[in-house]
Each structure stands twice: as C-alpha cells, then as structure tokens.
C-alpha cells in the first residue's frame, strides 16, 4: 500500500512541506476567495497593461490553475483518509474486544495452565497509577 502512496508523491513532485509557522503566515483560500482569485487571474490575463511590470501574471494564472486542479485530489484524499480512519477505529475496537476476552479467560480460567504471569502482565493495562496528592476527604 505504501507503494501506491509513494507513486502519488512521485506524480506530484511540486508538493511542499510547510512548517506550522509558515502555514499561519499565509492567507488561506476558501470558497469565496477561490472565486475572487479566479476572476482576478482572468482580469490580469486579459488586461496585463494596468499592472506593474514586476507583477507576474503567468505565475498568478499558474497558481490559480494548480489550486483548482488540486481540489478534486484534496477531496479524494480527504474521503480516503476518513475511510482509513473509520476502518482503523473499527478494527482497533474489534481487536481490543478480542484482547479483553483473552485477558478475562487467562485471568479467570487460566489457572493450572501457567497463565498467571501472562494474565498479570495483561492486567497492567488496567492498573491505576498512584496519585501524588492526598485523597480529598
């Protein structure tokens, strides 16, 4: 499965990794901003003469196009992430429930089978840590 993810990364070599500080410093584009940017790119492309020479119209247009192209990918990956998360929650819950059955049988029915130490080891999961504060009266 990680091969498929590596292939996706390879097909998108322009992807970048921002630090949390870099993310916070950038303006974020939502639905309203997306329409604004698209219209501004169209205006700039059709009327480049009113802009300063230093303004890169092609870069604005490329950025707007790439943002639009990434939208369906983002949606598909978000849906995939939700499926993976839900599956992990489900199988984790099933595995935990199965482990509880094993623990309870080892603890209650494992005498004579040399399972006492294993049951004690599994039981550490449920041990409460002693608190440093005195109990309230």
Protein backbone atom coordinates (compact mmCIF):
# COMPACT_ATOMS: atom_id res chain seq x y z
CA UNK A 1 0.00 0.00 0.00
CA UNK A 2 2.85 2.39 0.73
CA UNK A 3 3.99 1.86 -2.87
CA UNK A 4 0.76 3.47 -4.07
CA UNK A 5 1.32 6.45 -1.78
CA UNK A 6 4.92 6.75 -2.97
CA UNK A 7 3.65 6.70 -6.56
CA UNK A 8 1.22 9.53 -5.80
CA UNK A 9 4.05 11.56 -4.26
CA UNK A 10 6.20 10.88 -7.31
CA UNK A 11 3.42 12.06 -9.64
CA UNK A 12 3.13 15.32 -7.65
CA UNK A 13 6.78 16.44 -7.38
CA UNK A 14 5.79 20.06 -6.73
CA UNK A 15 4.29 19.29 -3.31
CA UNK A 16 5.82 21.24 -0.44
CA UNK A 17 6.03 20.79 3.32
CA UNK A 18 5.21 23.93 5.32
CA UNK A 19 6.03 24.44 8.97
CA UNK A 20 3.14 25.39 11.28
CA UNK A 21 4.51 28.95 11.38
CA UNK A 22 4.62 29.15 7.59
CA UNK A 23 1.04 27.88 7.37
CA UNK A 24 -0.19 30.51 9.83
CA UNK A 25 1.60 33.30 7.96
CA UNK A 26 -0.10 32.54 4.63
CA UNK A 27 -3.56 33.77 3.66
CA UNK A 28 -5.98 30.85 3.35
CA UNK A 29 -8.20 30.47 0.32
CA UNK A 30 -11.77 29.37 0.96
CA UNK A 31 -14.73 29.16 -1.41
CA UNK A 32 -15.26 32.92 -1.67
CA UNK A 33 -11.56 33.58 -2.13
CA UNK A 34 -11.32 30.91 -4.82
CA UNK A 35 -13.86 32.75 -6.98
CA UNK A 36 -12.08 36.05 -6.26
CA UNK A 37 -8.69 34.65 -7.28
CA UNK A 38 -10.08 33.05 -10.43
CA UNK A 39 -11.71 36.31 -11.55
CA UNK A 40 -8.61 38.34 -10.69
CA UNK A 41 -6.44 35.95 -12.72
CA UNK A 42 -8.82 36.32 -15.67
CA UNK A 43 -8.74 40.13 -15.39
CA UNK A 44 -4.95 40.13 -15.13
CA UNK A 45 -4.56 37.79 -18.11
CA UNK A 46 -6.89 39.87 -20.28
CA UNK A 47 -5.58 43.28 -19.15
CA UNK A 48 -1.92 42.94 -18.14
CA UNK A 49 -1.05 46.54 -19.11
CA UNK A 50 -2.51 48.18 -16.00
CA UNK A 51 -0.35 46.08 -13.66
CA UNK A 52 3.25 46.91 -12.69
CA UNK A 53 5.84 45.28 -14.93
CA UNK A 54 7.19 43.38 -11.94
CA UNK A 55 3.84 41.58 -11.44
CA UNK A 56 3.98 38.07 -12.87
CA UNK A 57 0.59 37.42 -14.48
CA UNK A 58 1.63 33.97 -15.69
CA UNK A 59 2.57 32.93 -12.16
CA UNK A 60 -0.80 34.08 -10.82
CA UNK A 61 -2.59 32.13 -13.54
CA UNK A 62 -0.46 29.01 -12.93
CA UNK A 63 -1.10 29.20 -9.17
CA UNK A 64 -4.85 29.60 -9.70
CA UNK A 65 -4.94 26.69 -12.15
CA UNK A 66 -2.91 24.43 -9.86
CA UNK A 67 -5.11 25.29 -6.91
CA UNK A 68 -8.19 24.35 -8.95
CA UNK A 69 -6.53 21.13 -10.16
CA UNK A 70 -5.65 20.14 -6.58
CA UNK A 71 -9.25 20.50 -5.35
CA UNK A 72 -10.52 17.09 -6.59
CA UNK A 73 -7.32 15.45 -5.34
CA UNK A 74 -7.82 17.02 -1.91
CA UNK A 75 -11.42 15.84 -1.83
CA UNK A 76 -10.48 12.28 -2.85
CA UNK A 77 -7.67 12.12 -0.27
CA UNK A 78 -9.94 13.50 2.45
CA UNK A 79 -12.51 10.82 1.69
CA UNK A 80 -9.79 8.17 1.66
CA UNK A 81 -8.43 9.44 4.99
CA UNK A 82 -11.92 9.19 6.52
CA UNK A 83 -12.28 5.61 5.26
CA UNK A 84 -8.86 4.67 6.64
CA UNK A 85 -9.64 6.34 9.98
CA UNK A 86 -13.05 4.63 10.27
CA UNK A 87 -11.57 1.26 9.35
CA UNK A 88 -8.77 1.69 11.89
CA UNK A 89 -11.29 2.62 14.60
CA UNK A 90 -13.43 -0.42 13.74
CA UNK A 91 -10.62 -2.99 13.63
CA UNK A 92 -8.98 -1.42 16.67
CA UNK A 93 -12.23 -1.80 18.60
CA UNK A 94 -12.63 -5.38 17.45
CA UNK A 95 -9.02 -6.21 18.34
CA UNK A 96 -9.41 -4.59 21.78
CA UNK A 97 -12.64 -6.51 22.43
CA UNK A 98 -10.90 -9.75 21.44
CA UNK A 99 -7.94 -8.96 23.65
CA UNK A 100 -10.33 -8.39 26.59
CA UNK A 101 -11.79 -11.86 26.03
CA UNK A 102 -8.29 -13.37 26.05
CA UNK A 103 -7.36 -11.45 29.20
CA UNK A 104 -10.55 -12.40 31.05
CA UNK A 105 -10.19 -16.08 30.18
CA UNK A 106 -6.49 -16.06 31.10
CA UNK A 107 -7.30 -14.37 34.42
CA UNK A 108 -10.35 -16.47 35.32
CA UNK A 109 -9.79 -19.82 33.62
CA UNK A 110 -6.05 -20.00 33.12
CA UNK A 111 -5.08 -21.48 36.47
CA UNK A 112 -3.06 -24.61 36.04
CA UNK A 113 -2.08 -23.58 32.51
CA UNK A 114 0.81 -21.39 33.66
CA UNK A 115 -1.01 -18.27 32.52
CA UNK A 116 -0.83 -16.38 35.83
CA UNK A 117 2.18 -14.29 34.80
CA UNK A 118 0.66 -13.59 31.40
CA UNK A 119 -2.65 -12.54 32.99
CA UNK A 120 -0.73 -10.29 35.40
CA UNK A 121 1.17 -8.76 32.50
CA UNK A 122 -2.03 -8.16 30.52
CA UNK A 123 -3.67 -6.78 33.67
CA UNK A 124 -1.11 -3.98 33.87
CA UNK A 125 -3.19 -2.26 31.22
CA UNK A 126 -5.85 -1.67 33.85
CA UNK A 127 -3.59 -0.79 36.79
CA UNK A 128 -4.23 2.65 38.21
CA UNK A 129 -1.30 4.90 38.90
CA UNK A 130 -0.99 6.10 42.46
CA UNK A 131 -1.65 9.81 42.66
CA UNK A 132 0.86 12.06 44.36
CA UNK A 133 -1.84 14.15 46.02
CA UNK A 134 -3.53 13.15 49.23
CA UNK A 135 -7.12 11.97 48.76
CA UNK A 136 -9.80 14.57 49.45
CA UNK A 137 -11.96 13.98 52.46
